Amino acid sequence: MTVDAQTWITRYAEILGVTPPSPTEIEALLALAGVAAHASERMSAPVSCWVAAKANKTAEEALAAAEELAGSLS
């Protein structure tokens, strides 16, 4: 059985004991993944999100850093 993304995210967050991301945070995370995937290999997208979480950065801070990095690489 498959579930929709929102259900997965909510239930996964519950299991991990954290609040699920807000719609604004989800937009920023998807944008971060897009920047990472387009500026490098696609595998960078999920791993960049993990790195941002490990660095305790907000989704918005992580997106800004990814955009800065992508700009410096072009």
N, C-alpha and C. Protein backbone atom coordinates (compact mmCIF):
# COMPACT_ATOMS: atom_id res chain seq x y z
N MET A 1 0.83 -1.18 0.00
CA MET A 1 0.00 0.00 0.00
C MET A 1 0.88 1.25 0.00
N THR A 2 0.56 2.21 -0.82
CA THR A 2 1.28 3.46 -0.82
C THR A 2 0.39 4.55 -0.26
N VAL A 3 1.01 5.54 0.32
CA VAL A 3 0.28 6.67 0.87
C VAL A 3 0.77 7.94 0.20
N ASP A 4 -0.01 9.01 0.34
CA ASP A 4 0.41 10.28 -0.24
C ASP A 4 1.57 10.85 0.55
N ALA A 5 2.24 11.81 -0.06
CA ALA A 5 3.45 12.38 0.54
C ALA A 5 3.17 13.02 1.90
N GLN A 6 2.08 13.75 2.02
CA GLN A 6 1.79 14.43 3.28
C GLN A 6 1.59 13.44 4.42
N THR A 7 0.90 12.34 4.13
CA THR A 7 0.70 11.31 5.15
C THR A 7 2.03 10.70 5.56
N TRP A 8 2.87 10.38 4.57
CA TRP A 8 4.19 9.81 4.87
C TRP A 8 5.00 10.76 5.74
N ILE A 9 5.06 12.03 5.33
CA ILE A 9 5.87 13.02 6.06
C ILE A 9 5.36 13.18 7.48
N THR A 10 4.07 13.28 7.65
CA THR A 10 3.48 13.44 8.99
C THR A 10 3.77 12.24 9.86
N ARG A 11 3.56 11.06 9.34
CA ARG A 11 3.78 9.85 10.13
C ARG A 11 5.27 9.65 10.42
N TYR A 12 6.12 9.94 9.45
CA TYR A 12 7.57 9.79 9.65
C TYR A 12 8.04 10.76 10.73
N ALA A 13 7.56 11.98 10.68
CA ALA A 13 7.92 12.98 11.69
C ALA A 13 7.48 12.51 13.08
N GLU A 14 6.28 11.95 13.17
CA GLU A 14 5.80 11.43 14.45
C GLU A 14 6.73 10.35 14.99
N ILE A 15 7.12 9.42 14.13
CA ILE A 15 8.01 8.33 14.55
C ILE A 15 9.35 8.88 15.05
N LEU A 16 9.85 9.93 14.37
CA LEU A 16 11.13 10.53 14.76
C LEU A 16 10.98 11.50 15.93
N GLY A 17 9.75 11.81 16.32
CA GLY A 17 9.53 12.68 17.46
C GLY A 17 9.73 14.16 17.16
N VAL A 18 9.47 14.56 15.92
CA VAL A 18 9.62 15.97 15.53
C VAL A 18 8.32 16.46 14.88
N THR A 19 8.21 17.76 14.79
CA THR A 19 7.08 18.36 14.11
C THR A 19 7.30 18.28 12.60
N PRO A 20 6.28 17.89 11.84
CA PRO A 20 6.47 17.86 10.39
C PRO A 20 6.68 19.26 9.84
N PRO A 21 7.34 19.37 8.70
CA PRO A 21 7.60 20.69 8.12
C PRO A 21 6.29 21.38 7.71
N SER A 22 6.32 22.69 7.80
CA SER A 22 5.18 23.49 7.36
C SER A 22 5.14 23.51 5.84
N PRO A 23 4.04 23.95 5.25
CA PRO A 23 4.01 24.07 3.79
C PRO A 23 5.13 24.96 3.24
N THR A 24 5.45 26.04 3.95
CA THR A 24 6.53 26.93 3.52
C THR A 24 7.87 26.21 3.58
N GLU A 25 8.09 25.44 4.64
CA GLU A 25 9.34 24.68 4.77
C GLU A 25 9.43 23.61 3.68
N ILE A 26 8.32 22.98 3.38
CA ILE A 26 8.32 21.97 2.32
C ILE A 26 8.70 22.60 0.99
N GLU A 27 8.14 23.77 0.70
CA GLU A 27 8.50 24.47 -0.54
C GLU A 27 10.00 24.77 -0.59
N ALA A 28 10.56 25.23 0.53
CA ALA A 28 11.99 25.55 0.57
C ALA A 28 12.84 24.29 0.42
N LEU A 29 12.42 23.19 1.04
CA LEU A 29 13.17 21.94 0.92
C LEU A 29 13.13 21.41 -0.51
N LEU A 30 11.96 21.51 -1.15
CA LEU A 30 11.88 21.07 -2.55
C LEU A 30 12.72 21.95 -3.45
N ALA A 31 12.75 23.25 -3.15
CA ALA A 31 13.60 24.16 -3.93
C ALA A 31 15.07 23.82 -3.71
N LEU A 32 15.45 23.55 -2.45
CA LEU A 32 16.82 23.14 -2.14
C LEU A 32 17.19 21.89 -2.94
N ALA A 33 16.31 20.91 -2.92
CA ALA A 33 16.57 19.67 -3.67
C ALA A 33 16.72 19.96 -5.16
N GLY A 34 15.89 20.86 -5.67
CA GLY A 34 15.98 21.22 -7.08
C GLY A 34 17.28 21.90 -7.43
N VAL A 35 17.71 22.83 -6.59
CA VAL A 35 18.98 23.53 -6.82
C VAL A 35 20.12 22.52 -6.82
N ALA A 36 20.14 21.65 -5.80
CA ALA A 36 21.22 20.66 -5.69
C ALA A 36 21.22 19.72 -6.89
N ALA A 37 20.05 19.27 -7.31
CA ALA A 37 19.97 18.31 -8.41
C ALA A 37 20.36 18.94 -9.74
N HIS A 38 20.06 20.21 -9.92
CA HIS A 38 20.39 20.86 -11.18
C HIS A 38 21.82 21.39 -11.23
N ALA A 39 22.41 21.64 -10.08
CA ALA A 39 23.77 22.16 -10.05
C ALA A 39 24.81 21.04 -10.02
N SER A 40 24.37 19.82 -9.77
CA SER A 40 25.30 18.68 -9.69
C SER A 40 24.54 17.41 -10.05
N GLU A 41 25.03 16.29 -9.59
CA GLU A 41 24.35 15.03 -9.82
C GLU A 41 23.07 14.96 -9.00
N ARG A 42 22.08 14.24 -9.49
CA ARG A 42 20.78 14.17 -8.82
C ARG A 42 20.86 13.66 -7.39
N MET A 43 21.79 12.78 -7.10
CA MET A 43 21.89 12.25 -5.73
C MET A 43 22.19 13.34 -4.71
N SER A 44 22.66 14.48 -5.18
CA SER A 44 22.94 15.59 -4.25
C SER A 44 21.68 16.13 -3.59
N ALA A 45 20.53 15.96 -4.23
CA ALA A 45 19.29 16.52 -3.70
C ALA A 45 18.93 15.97 -2.31
N PRO A 46 18.74 14.67 -2.15
CA PRO A 46 18.37 14.18 -0.82
C PRO A 46 19.51 14.32 0.19
N VAL A 47 20.73 14.13 -0.28
CA VAL A 47 21.86 14.21 0.65
C VAL A 47 22.06 15.65 1.13
N SER A 48 21.83 16.63 0.26
CA SER A 48 21.92 18.03 0.69
C SER A 48 20.88 18.35 1.75
N CYS A 49 19.69 17.80 1.62
CA CYS A 49 18.65 18.00 2.65
C CYS A 49 19.10 17.39 3.97
N TRP A 50 19.72 16.23 3.91
CA TRP A 50 20.23 15.59 5.12
C TRP A 50 21.32 16.44 5.75
N VAL A 51 22.24 16.95 4.94
CA VAL A 51 23.33 17.79 5.45
C VAL A 51 22.76 19.04 6.13
N ALA A 52 21.75 19.64 5.51
CA ALA A 52 21.12 20.82 6.11
C ALA A 52 20.53 20.50 7.47
N ALA A 53 19.87 19.36 7.57
CA ALA A 53 19.28 18.96 8.85
C ALA A 53 20.37 18.68 9.89
N LYS A 54 21.42 18.02 9.45
CA LYS A 54 22.54 17.71 10.35
C LYS A 54 23.20 19.00 10.85
N ALA A 55 23.21 20.03 10.00
CA ALA A 55 23.79 21.32 10.37
C ALA A 55 22.81 22.18 11.17
N ASN A 56 21.62 21.63 11.39
CA ASN A 56 20.59 22.34 12.16
C ASN A 56 20.20 23.66 11.51
N LYS A 57 20.12 23.67 10.19
CA LYS A 57 19.73 24.86 9.43
C LYS A 57 18.24 24.79 9.11
N THR A 58 17.59 25.94 9.06
CA THR A 58 16.21 25.96 8.61
C THR A 58 16.19 25.67 7.12
N ALA A 59 15.02 25.32 6.62
CA ALA A 59 14.89 25.06 5.20
C ALA A 59 15.27 26.29 4.39
N GLU A 60 14.88 27.44 4.89
CA GLU A 60 15.19 28.69 4.18
C GLU A 60 16.69 28.97 4.19
N GLU A 61 17.36 28.75 5.32
CA GLU A 61 18.81 28.95 5.39
C GLU A 61 19.53 27.97 4.45
N ALA A 62 19.05 26.74 4.44
CA ALA A 62 19.67 25.72 3.59
C ALA A 62 19.50 26.07 2.11
N LEU A 63 18.32 26.56 1.74
CA LEU A 63 18.08 26.96 0.36
C LEU A 63 19.00 28.10 -0.03
N ALA A 64 19.14 29.09 0.83
CA ALA A 64 20.01 30.24 0.54
C ALA A 64 21.45 29.77 0.34
N ALA A 65 21.91 28.86 1.17
CA ALA A 65 23.28 28.36 1.04
C ALA A 65 23.45 27.59 -0.26
N ALA A 66 22.45 26.80 -0.63
CA ALA A 66 22.53 26.03 -1.88
C ALA A 66 22.54 26.96 -3.08
N GLU A 67 21.71 28.00 -3.03
CA GLU A 67 21.70 28.97 -4.14
C GLU A 67 23.04 29.69 -4.25
N GLU A 68 23.63 30.02 -3.11
CA GLU A 68 24.94 30.67 -3.11
C GLU A 68 25.99 29.75 -3.74
N LEU A 69 25.99 28.49 -3.31
CA LEU A 69 26.95 27.53 -3.85
C LEU A 69 26.74 27.34 -5.35
N ALA A 70 25.49 27.16 -5.77
CA ALA A 70 25.21 26.95 -7.18
C ALA A 70 25.66 28.16 -8.01
N GLY A 71 25.46 29.36 -7.48
CA GLY A 71 25.89 30.56 -8.18
C GLY A 71 27.39 30.65 -8.32
N SER A 72 28.11 30.17 -7.31
CA SER A 72 29.56 30.24 -7.36
C SER A 72 30.15 29.19 -8.30
N LEU A 73 29.38 28.17 -8.64
CA LEU A 73 29.87 27.10 -9.50
C LEU A 73 29.63 27.38 -10.98
N SER A 74 28.76 28.35 -11.27
CA SER A 74 28.44 28.58 -12.69
C SER A 74 29.38 29.56 -13.34
